[in-house]
């Protein structure tokens, strides 16, 4: 009896048990490899999420800084408009 049952058509109970056992071993090895690949993939996804969260925080900070600059510009424009209105009211507009 040969030790290699891959091309054998099992006929006895012993041959069937060995054939099924070999198939099960192959399946278990395949699943172990798939599990390792999935764990590596999940680790990469976790790293991406952490990097994305950090970048998102920086963007929120930059938007906040931009809003402060826009508010400062609006205040400057408002002050300039008030000064021009006062100057026009008192006739200092260049006439």
PDB file of N, CA and C in Angstrom:
ATOM      1  N   UNK A   1       0.843  -1.173   0.000  1.00  0.00           N
ATOM      2  CA  UNK A   1       0.000   0.000   0.000  1.00  0.00           C
ATOM      3  C   UNK A   1       0.889   1.237   0.000  1.00  0.00           C
ATOM      4  N   UNK A   2       0.616   2.177  -0.863  1.00  0.00           N
ATOM      5  CA  UNK A   2       1.422   3.386  -1.005  1.00  0.00           C
ATOM      6  C   UNK A   2       1.085   4.391   0.093  1.00  0.00           C
ATOM      7  N   UNK A   3       2.071   5.209   0.459  1.00  0.00           N
ATOM      8  CA  UNK A   3       1.841   6.247   1.471  1.00  0.00           C
ATOM      9  C   UNK A   3       1.161   7.470   0.886  1.00  0.00           C
ATOM     10  N   UNK A   4       1.183   7.619  -0.428  1.00  0.00           N
ATOM     11  CA  UNK A   4       0.579   8.770  -1.086  1.00  0.00           C
ATOM     12  C   UNK A   4      -0.833   8.418  -1.531  1.00  0.00           C
ATOM     13  N   UNK A   5      -1.822   9.052  -0.889  1.00  0.00           N
ATOM     14  CA  UNK A   5      -3.218   8.742  -1.195  1.00  0.00           C
ATOM     15  C   UNK A   5      -3.880   9.838  -2.036  1.00  0.00           C
ATOM     16  N   UNK A   6      -3.119  10.724  -2.628  1.00  0.00           N
ATOM     17  CA  UNK A   6      -3.721  11.834  -3.363  1.00  0.00           C
ATOM     18  C   UNK A   6      -4.440  11.373  -4.617  1.00  0.00           C
ATOM     19  N   UNK A   7      -3.915  10.377  -5.319  1.00  0.00           N
ATOM     20  CA  UNK A   7      -4.551   9.893  -6.551  1.00  0.00           C
ATOM     21  C   UNK A   7      -5.231   8.540  -6.358  1.00  0.00           C
ATOM     22  N   UNK A   8      -5.446   8.170  -5.133  1.00  0.00           N
ATOM     23  CA  UNK A   8      -6.016   6.866  -4.826  1.00  0.00           C
ATOM     24  C   UNK A   8      -7.529   6.969  -4.720  1.00  0.00           C
ATOM     25  N   UNK A   9      -8.223   6.018  -5.232  1.00  0.00           N
ATOM     26  CA  UNK A   9      -9.666   5.926  -5.028  1.00  0.00           C
ATOM     27  C   UNK A   9      -9.843   4.975  -3.849  1.00  0.00           C
ATOM     28  N   UNK A  10     -10.041   5.526  -2.641  1.00  0.00           N
ATOM     29  CA  UNK A  10     -10.111   4.685  -1.446  1.00  0.00           C
ATOM     30  C   UNK A  10     -11.187   3.601  -1.565  1.00  0.00           C
ATOM     31  N   UNK A  11     -10.822   2.397  -1.109  1.00  0.00           N
ATOM     32  CA  UNK A  11     -11.768   1.293  -1.208  1.00  0.00           C
ATOM     33  C   UNK A  11     -12.053   0.671   0.151  1.00  0.00           C
ATOM     34  N   UNK A  12     -11.109   0.693   1.045  1.00  0.00           N
ATOM     35  CA  UNK A  12     -11.347   0.109   2.374  1.00  0.00           C
ATOM     36  C   UNK A  12     -11.606   1.247   3.367  1.00  0.00           C
ATOM     37  N   UNK A  13     -12.099   0.887   4.526  1.00  0.00           N
ATOM     38  CA  UNK A  13     -12.361   1.875   5.574  1.00  0.00           C
ATOM     39  C   UNK A  13     -11.076   2.569   5.973  1.00  0.00           C
ATOM     40  N   UNK A  14      -9.993   1.819   6.086  1.00  0.00           N
ATOM     41  CA  UNK A  14      -8.701   2.402   6.448  1.00  0.00           C
ATOM     42  C   UNK A  14      -8.247   3.401   5.400  1.00  0.00           C
ATOM     43  N   UNK A  15      -8.362   3.052   4.139  1.00  0.00           N
ATOM     44  CA  UNK A  15      -7.975   3.960   3.060  1.00  0.00           C
ATOM     45  C   UNK A  15      -8.837   5.224   3.074  1.00  0.00           C
ATOM     46  N   UNK A  16     -10.113   5.055   3.307  1.00  0.00           N
ATOM     47  CA  UNK A  16     -11.011   6.223   3.377  1.00  0.00           C
ATOM     48  C   UNK A  16     -10.615   7.135   4.545  1.00  0.00           C
ATOM     49  N   UNK A  17     -10.322   6.566   5.688  1.00  0.00           N
ATOM     50  CA  UNK A  17      -9.930   7.373   6.850  1.00  0.00           C
ATOM     51  C   UNK A  17      -8.631   8.123   6.585  1.00  0.00           C
ATOM     52  N   UNK A  18      -7.662   7.458   5.965  1.00  0.00           N
ATOM     53  CA  UNK A  18      -6.408   8.129   5.642  1.00  0.00           C
ATOM     54  C   UNK A  18      -6.619   9.225   4.583  1.00  0.00           C
ATOM     55  N   UNK A  19      -7.448   8.926   3.598  1.00  0.00           N
ATOM     56  CA  UNK A  19      -7.752   9.892   2.545  1.00  0.00           C
ATOM     57  C   UNK A  19      -8.417  11.147   3.138  1.00  0.00           C
ATOM     58  N   UNK A  20      -9.418  10.931   3.984  1.00  0.00           N
ATOM     59  CA  UNK A  20     -10.133  12.048   4.619  1.00  0.00           C
ATOM     60  C   UNK A  20      -9.205  12.813   5.560  1.00  0.00           C
ATOM     61  N   UNK A  21      -8.371  12.089   6.288  1.00  0.00           N
ATOM     62  CA  UNK A  21      -7.431  12.729   7.196  1.00  0.00           C
ATOM     63  C   UNK A  21      -6.464  13.631   6.427  1.00  0.00           C
ATOM     64  N   UNK A  22      -5.957  13.158   5.287  1.00  0.00           N
ATOM     65  CA  UNK A  22      -5.056  13.969   4.459  1.00  0.00           C
ATOM     66  C   UNK A  22      -5.777  15.215   3.929  1.00  0.00           C
ATOM     67  N   UNK A  23      -6.991  15.040   3.490  1.00  0.00           N
ATOM     68  CA  UNK A  23      -7.773  16.182   2.992  1.00  0.00           C
ATOM     69  C   UNK A  23      -8.002  17.199   4.110  1.00  0.00           C
ATOM     70  N   UNK A  24      -8.310  16.710   5.297  1.00  0.00           N
ATOM     71  CA  UNK A  24      -8.554  17.592   6.430  1.00  0.00           C
ATOM     72  C   UNK A  24      -7.270  18.330   6.818  1.00  0.00           C
ATOM     73  N   UNK A  25      -6.139  17.647   6.811  1.00  0.00           N
ATOM     74  CA  UNK A  25      -4.858  18.295   7.115  1.00  0.00           C
ATOM     75  C   UNK A  25      -4.562  19.417   6.115  1.00  0.00           C
ATOM     76  N   UNK A  26      -4.799  19.125   4.837  1.00  0.00           N
ATOM     77  CA  UNK A  26      -4.578  20.133   3.798  1.00  0.00           C
ATOM     78  C   UNK A  26      -5.479  21.340   4.016  1.00  0.00           C
ATOM     79  N   UNK A  27      -6.727  21.094   4.346  1.00  0.00           N
ATOM     80  CA  UNK A  27      -7.687  22.176   4.597  1.00  0.00           C
ATOM     81  C   UNK A  27      -7.275  23.013   5.803  1.00  0.00           C
ATOM     82  N   UNK A  28      -6.842  22.361   6.860  1.00  0.00           N
ATOM     83  CA  UNK A  28      -6.431  23.077   8.068  1.00  0.00           C
ATOM     84  C   UNK A  28      -5.198  23.942   7.805  1.00  0.00           C
ATOM     85  N   UNK A  29      -4.247  23.428   7.024  1.00  0.00           N
ATOM     86  CA  UNK A  29      -3.059  24.209   6.675  1.00  0.00           C
ATOM     87  C   UNK A  29      -3.454  25.434   5.855  1.00  0.00           C
ATOM     88  N   UNK A  30      -4.361  25.250   4.922  1.00  0.00           N
ATOM     89  CA  UNK A  30      -4.833  26.352   4.088  1.00  0.00           C
ATOM     90  C   UNK A  30      -5.519  27.425   4.934  1.00  0.00           C
ATOM     91  N   UNK A  31      -6.335  26.995   5.885  1.00  0.00           N
ATOM     92  CA  UNK A  31      -7.030  27.945   6.754  1.00  0.00           C
ATOM     93  C   UNK A  31      -6.045  28.691   7.647  1.00  0.00           C
ATOM     94  N   UNK A  32      -5.000  28.017   8.090  1.00  0.00           N
ATOM     95  CA  UNK A  32      -3.988  28.680   8.924  1.00  0.00           C
ATOM     96  C   UNK A  32      -3.280  29.771   8.121  1.00  0.00           C
ATOM     97  N   UNK A  33      -2.959  29.486   6.865  1.00  0.00           N
ATOM     98  CA  UNK A  33      -2.326  30.480   6.004  1.00  0.00           C
ATOM     99  C   UNK A  33      -3.275  31.655   5.771  1.00  0.00           C
ATOM    100  N   UNK A  34      -4.549  31.355   5.516  1.00  0.00           N
ATOM    101  CA  UNK A  34      -5.541  32.411   5.300  1.00  0.00           C
ATOM    102  C   UNK A  34      -5.684  33.282   6.547  1.00  0.00           C
ATOM    103  N   UNK A  35      -5.650  32.668   7.701  1.00  0.00           N
ATOM    104  CA  UNK A  35      -5.770  33.397   8.961  1.00  0.00           C
ATOM    105  C   UNK A  35      -4.591  34.355   9.137  1.00  0.00           C
ATOM    106  N   UNK A  36      -3.376  33.896   8.804  1.00  0.00           N
ATOM    107  CA  UNK A  36      -2.193  34.750   8.909  1.00  0.00           C
ATOM    108  C   UNK A  36      -2.307  35.950   7.965  1.00  0.00           C
ATOM    109  N   UNK A  37      -2.764  35.704   6.757  1.00  0.00           N
ATOM    110  CA  UNK A  37      -2.941  36.789   5.787  1.00  0.00           C
ATOM    111  C   UNK A  37      -3.974  37.785   6.310  1.00  0.00           C
ATOM    112  N   UNK A  38      -5.064  37.289   6.865  1.00  0.00           N
ATOM    113  CA  UNK A  38      -6.122  38.160   7.374  1.00  0.00           C
ATOM    114  C   UNK A  38      -5.628  38.993   8.556  1.00  0.00           C
ATOM    115  N   UNK A  39      -4.836  38.403   9.433  1.00  0.00           N
ATOM    116  CA  UNK A  39      -4.296  39.140  10.579  1.00  0.00           C
ATOM    117  C   UNK A  39      -3.378  40.262  10.088  1.00  0.00           C
ATOM    118  N   UNK A  40      -2.520  39.976   9.098  1.00  0.00           N
ATOM    119  CA  UNK A  40      -1.641  41.005   8.541  1.00  0.00           C
ATOM    120  C   UNK A  40      -2.467  42.124   7.903  1.00  0.00           C
ATOM    121  N   UNK A  41      -3.509  41.750   7.178  1.00  0.00           N
ATOM    122  CA  UNK A  41      -4.384  42.738   6.538  1.00  0.00           C
ATOM    123  C   UNK A  41      -5.070  43.614   7.587  1.00  0.00           C
ATOM    124  N   UNK A  42      -5.570  43.016   8.641  1.00  0.00           N
ATOM    125  CA  UNK A  42      -6.237  43.774   9.697  1.00  0.00           C
ATOM    126  C   UNK A  42      -5.254  44.707  10.407  1.00  0.00           C
ATOM    127  N   UNK A  43      -4.015  44.262  10.606  1.00  0.00           N
ATOM    128  CA  UNK A  43      -2.998  45.123  11.209  1.00  0.00           C
ATOM    129  C   UNK A  43      -2.732  46.346  10.335  1.00  0.00           C
ATOM    130  N   UNK A  44      -2.660  46.133   9.013  1.00  0.00           N
ATOM    131  CA  UNK A  44      -2.442  47.261   8.094  1.00  0.00           C
ATOM    132  C   UNK A  44      -3.624  48.220   8.133  1.00  0.00           C
ATOM    133  N   UNK A  45      -4.826  47.692   8.209  1.00  0.00           N
ATOM    134  CA  UNK A  45      -6.022  48.539   8.292  1.00  0.00           C
ATOM    135  C   UNK A  45      -5.982  49.356   9.586  1.00  0.00           C
ATOM    136  N   UNK A  46      -5.598  48.726  10.693  1.00  0.00           N
ATOM    137  CA  UNK A  46      -5.505  49.442  11.972  1.00  0.00           C
ATOM    138  C   UNK A  46      -4.475  50.566  11.897  1.00  0.00           C
ATOM    139  N   UNK A  47      -3.337  50.303  11.248  1.00  0.00           N
ATOM    140  CA  UNK A  47      -2.310  51.331  11.081  1.00  0.00           C
ATOM    141  C   UNK A  47      -2.843  52.488  10.238  1.00  0.00           C
ATOM    142  N   UNK A  48      -3.572  52.158   9.167  1.00  0.00           N
ATOM    143  CA  UNK A  48      -4.142  53.189   8.302  1.00  0.00           C
ATOM    144  C   UNK A  48      -5.137  54.048   9.071  1.00  0.00           C
ATOM    145  N   UNK A  49      -5.977  53.414   9.875  1.00  0.00           N
ATOM    146  CA  UNK A  49      -6.972  54.151  10.660  1.00  0.00           C
ATOM    147  C   UNK A  49      -6.273  55.092  11.637  1.00  0.00           C
ATOM    148  N   UNK A  50      -5.236  54.616  12.308  1.00  0.00           N
ATOM    149  CA  UNK A  50      -4.511  55.467  13.258  1.00  0.00           C
ATOM    150  C   UNK A  50      -3.869  56.653  12.534  1.00  0.00           C
ATOM    151  N   UNK A  51      -3.269  56.409  11.391  1.00  0.00           N
ATOM    152  CA  UNK A  51      -2.652  57.480  10.602  1.00  0.00           C
ATOM    153  C   UNK A  51      -3.712  58.462  10.123  1.00  0.00           C
ATOM    154  N   UNK A  52      -4.838  57.944   9.674  1.00  0.00           N
ATOM    155  CA  UNK A  52      -5.932  58.791   9.186  1.00  0.00           C
ATOM    156  C   UNK A  52      -6.491  59.658  10.307  1.00  0.00           C
ATOM    157  N   UNK A  53      -6.662  59.098  11.483  1.00  0.00           N
ATOM    158  CA  UNK A  53      -7.171  59.862  12.627  1.00  0.00           C
ATOM    159  C   UNK A  53      -6.215  60.991  12.982  1.00  0.00           C
ATOM    160  N   UNK A  54      -4.904  60.704  12.931  1.00  0.00           N
ATOM    161  CA  UNK A  54      -3.904  61.722  13.247  1.00  0.00           C
ATOM    162  C   UNK A  54      -3.954  62.839  12.207  1.00  0.00           C
ATOM    163  N   UNK A  55      -4.051  62.478  10.930  1.00  0.00           N
ATOM    164  CA  UNK A  55      -4.118  63.470   9.855  1.00  0.00           C
ATOM    165  C   UNK A  55      -5.407  64.275   9.953  1.00  0.00           C
ATOM    166  N   UNK A  56      -6.490  63.622  10.320  1.00  0.00           N
ATOM    167  CA  UNK A  56      -7.774  64.306  10.462  1.00  0.00           C
ATOM    168  C   UNK A  56      -7.691  65.362  11.558  1.00  0.00           C
ATOM    169  N   UNK A  57      -7.016  65.054  12.639  1.00  0.00           N
ATOM    170  CA  UNK A  57      -6.840  66.016  13.727  1.00  0.00           C
ATOM    171  C   UNK A  57      -6.063  67.240  13.263  1.00  0.00           C
ATOM    172  N   UNK A  58      -5.036  67.028  12.436  1.00  0.00           N
ATOM    173  CA  UNK A  58      -4.252  68.144  11.906  1.00  0.00           C
ATOM    174  C   UNK A  58      -5.108  69.017  10.995  1.00  0.00           C
ATOM    175  N   UNK A  59      -5.964  68.400  10.185  1.00  0.00           N
ATOM    176  CA  UNK A  59      -6.824  69.166   9.287  1.00  0.00           C
ATOM    177  C   UNK A  59      -7.823  69.996  10.076  1.00  0.00           C
ATOM    178  N   UNK A  60      -8.384  69.438  11.127  1.00  0.00           N
ATOM    179  CA  UNK A  60      -9.321  70.177  11.959  1.00  0.00           C
ATOM    180  C   UNK A  60      -8.615  71.375  12.579  1.00  0.00           C
ATOM    181  N   UNK A  61      -7.381  71.180  13.019  1.00  0.00           N
ATOM    182  CA  UNK A  61      -6.608  72.273  13.610  1.00  0.00           C
ATOM    183  C   UNK A  61      -6.346  73.366  12.571  1.00  0.00           C
ATOM    184  N   UNK A  62      -5.994  72.969  11.344  1.00  0.00           N
ATOM    185  CA  UNK A  62      -5.735  73.951  10.289  1.00  0.00           C
ATOM    186  C   UNK A  62      -7.006  74.710   9.927  1.00  0.00           C
ATOM    187  N   UNK A  63      -8.142  74.041   9.880  1.00  0.00           N
ATOM    188  CA  UNK A  63      -9.414  74.710   9.594  1.00  0.00           C
ATOM    189  C   UNK A  63      -9.729  75.709  10.700  1.00  0.00           C
ATOM    190  N   UNK A  64      -9.464  75.343  11.926  1.00  0.00           N
ATOM    191  CA  UNK A  64      -9.695  76.248  13.054  1.00  0.00           C
ATOM    192  C   UNK A  64      -8.816  77.494  12.932  1.00  0.00           C
ATOM    193  N   UNK A  65      -7.548  77.307  12.566  1.00  0.00           N
ATOM    194  CA  UNK A  65      -6.648  78.447  12.378  1.00  0.00           C
ATOM    195  C   UNK A  65      -7.130  79.343  11.234  1.00  0.00           C
ATOM    196  N   UNK A  66      -7.599  78.724  10.154  1.00  0.00           N
ATOM    197  CA  UNK A  66      -8.104  79.479   9.016  1.00  0.00           C
ATOM    198  C   UNK A  66      -9.342  80.284   9.406  1.00  0.00           C
ATOM    199  N   UNK A  67     -10.232  79.688  10.195  1.00  0.00           N
ATOM    200  CA  UNK A  67     -11.422  80.409  10.656  1.00  0.00           C
ATOM    201  C   UNK A  67     -11.027  81.630  11.483  1.00  0.00           C
ATOM    202  N   UNK A  68     -10.000  81.505  12.320  1.00  0.00           N
ATOM    203  CA  UNK A  68      -9.534  82.646  13.120  1.00  0.00           C
ATOM    204  C   UNK A  68      -8.998  83.749  12.220  1.00  0.00           C
ATOM    205  N   UNK A  69      -8.254  83.387  11.175  1.00  0.00           N
ATOM    206  CA  UNK A  69      -7.718  84.382  10.246  1.00  0.00           C
ATOM    207  C   UNK A  69      -8.853  85.085   9.501  1.00  0.00           C
ATOM    208  N   UNK A  70      -9.849  84.328   9.068  1.00  0.00           N
ATOM    209  CA  UNK A  70     -10.995  84.913   8.367  1.00  0.00           C
ATOM    210  C   UNK A  70     -11.738  85.865   9.292  1.00  0.00           C
ATOM    211  N   UNK A  71     -11.923  85.468  10.539  1.00  0.00           N
ATOM    212  CA  UNK A  71     -12.589  86.339  11.507  1.00  0.00           C
ATOM    213  C   UNK A  71     -11.800  87.627  11.705  1.00  0.00           C
ATOM    214  N   UNK A  72     -10.471  87.540  11.769  1.00  0.00           N
ATOM    215  CA  UNK A  72      -9.632  88.734  11.927  1.00  0.00           C
ATOM    216  C   UNK A  72      -9.763  89.644  10.713  1.00  0.00           C
ATOM    217  N   UNK A  73      -9.813  89.064   9.522  1.00  0.00           N
ATOM    218  CA  UNK A  73      -9.971  89.863   8.299  1.00  0.00           C
ATOM    219  C   UNK A  73     -11.334  90.551   8.299  1.00  0.00           C
ATOM    220  N   UNK A  74     -12.377  89.830   8.700  1.00  0.00           N
ATOM    221  CA  UNK A  74     -13.722  90.418   8.764  1.00  0.00           C
ATOM    222  C   UNK A  74     -13.759  91.589   9.740  1.00  0.00           C
ATOM    223  N   UNK A  75     -13.103  91.436  10.878  1.00  0.00           N
ATOM    224  CA  UNK A  75     -13.054  92.526  11.871  1.00  0.00           C
ATOM    225  C   UNK A  75     -12.307  93.715  11.280  1.00  0.00           C
ATOM    226  N   UNK A  76     -11.198  93.468  10.597  1.00  0.00           N
ATOM    227  CA  UNK A  76     -10.439  94.548   9.948  1.00  0.00           C
ATOM    228  C   UNK A  76     -11.272  95.262   8.900  1.00  0.00           C
ATOM    229  N   UNK A  77     -12.008  94.511   8.101  1.00  0.00           N
ATOM    230  CA  UNK A  77     -12.881  95.114   7.093  1.00  0.00           C
ATOM    231  C   UNK A  77     -13.985  95.942   7.757  1.00  0.00           C
ATOM    232  N   UNK A  78     -14.539  95.411   8.832  1.00  0.00           N
ATOM    233  CA  UNK A  78     -15.621  96.113   9.532  1.00  0.00           C
ATOM    234  C   UNK A  78     -15.110  97.432  10.110  1.00  0.00           C
ATOM    235  N   UNK A  79     -13.915  97.408  10.721  1.00  0.00           N
ATOM    236  CA  UNK A  79     -13.325  98.626  11.294  1.00  0.00           C
ATOM    237  C   UNK A  79     -13.057  99.639  10.181  1.00  0.00           C
ATOM    238  N   UNK A  80     -12.516  99.189   9.067  1.00  0.00           N
ATOM    239  CA  UNK A  80     -12.252 100.084   7.930  1.00  0.00           C
ATOM    240  C   UNK A  80     -13.546 100.697   7.423  1.00  0.00           C
ATOM    241  N   UNK A  81     -14.609  99.914   7.337  1.00  0.00           N
ATOM    242  CA  UNK A  81     -15.902 100.398   6.869  1.00  0.00           C
ATOM    243  C   UNK A  81     -16.468 101.440   7.839  1.00  0.00           C
ATOM    244  N   UNK A  82     -16.343 101.212   9.122  1.00  0.00           N
ATOM    245  CA  UNK A  82     -16.846 102.158  10.127  1.00  0.00           C
ATOM    246  C   UNK A  82     -16.070 103.474  10.046  1.00  0.00           C
ATOM    247  N   UNK A  83     -14.731 103.384   9.925  1.00  0.00           N
ATOM    248  CA  UNK A  83     -13.915 104.595   9.809  1.00  0.00           C
ATOM    249  C   UNK A  83     -14.289 105.361   8.546  1.00  0.00           C
ATOM    250  N   UNK A  84     -14.491 104.678   7.434  1.00  0.00           N
ATOM    251  CA  UNK A  84     -14.874 105.344   6.180  1.00  0.00           C
ATOM    252  C   UNK A  84     -16.255 105.986   6.321  1.00  0.00           C
ATOM    253  N   UNK A  85     -17.172 105.311   6.995  1.00  0.00           N
ATOM    254  CA  UNK A  85     -18.517 105.875   7.185  1.00  0.00           C
ATOM    255  C   UNK A  85     -18.460 107.123   8.058  1.00  0.00           C
ATOM    256  N   UNK A  86     -17.646 107.100   9.093  1.00  0.00           N
ATOM    257  CA  UNK A  86     -17.509 108.266   9.975  1.00  0.00           C
ATOM    258  C   UNK A  86     -16.864 109.413   9.200  1.00  0.00           C
ATOM    259  N   UNK A  87     -15.829 109.103   8.427  1.00  0.00           N
ATOM    260  CA  UNK A  87     -15.160 110.140   7.627  1.00  0.00           C
ATOM    261  C   UNK A  87     -16.130 110.736   6.618  1.00  0.00           C
ATOM    262  N   UNK A  88     -16.939 109.926   5.992  1.00  0.00           N
ATOM    263  CA  UNK A  88     -17.926 110.420   5.030  1.00  0.00           C
ATOM    264  C   UNK A  88     -18.989 111.256   5.738  1.00  0.00           C
ATOM    265  N   UNK A  89     -19.373 110.864   6.914  1.00  0.00           N
ATOM    266  CA  UNK A  89     -20.396 111.595   7.666  1.00  0.00           C
ATOM    267  C   UNK A  89     -19.922 112.999   8.025  1.00  0.00           C
ATOM    268  N   UNK A  90     -18.655 113.125   8.379  1.00  0.00           N
ATOM    269  CA  UNK A  90     -18.123 114.433   8.764  1.00  0.00           C
ATOM    270  C   UNK A  90     -17.561 115.205   7.580  1.00  0.00           C
ATOM    271  N   UNK A  91     -17.703 114.677   6.395  1.00  0.00           N
ATOM    272  CA  UNK A  91     -17.283 115.395   5.205  1.00  0.00           C
ATOM    273  C   UNK A  91     -15.800 115.337   4.938  1.00  0.00           C
ATOM    274  N   UNK A  92     -15.134 114.340   5.456  1.00  0.00           N
ATOM    275  CA  UNK A  92     -13.691 114.227   5.230  1.00  0.00           C
ATOM    276  C   UNK A  92     -13.397 113.269   4.085  1.00  0.00           C
ATOM    277  N   UNK A  93     -14.325 113.091   3.242  1.00  0.00           N
ATOM    278  CA  UNK A  93     -14.166 112.150   2.143  1.00  0.00           C
ATOM    279  C   UNK A  93     -13.387 112.731   0.995  1.00  0.00           C
ATOM    280  N   UNK A  94     -12.780 113.862   1.125  1.00  0.00           N
ATOM    281  CA  UNK A  94     -11.947 114.417   0.065  1.00  0.00           C
ATOM    282  C   UNK A  94     -12.646 115.504  -0.718  1.00  0.00           C
ATOM    283  N   UNK A  95     -13.705 116.103  -0.195  1.00  0.00           N
ATOM    284  CA  UNK A  95     -14.383 117.177  -0.918  1.00  0.00           C
ATOM    285  C   UNK A  95     -13.947 118.512  -0.493  1.00  0.00           C
TER     286      UNK A  95
END
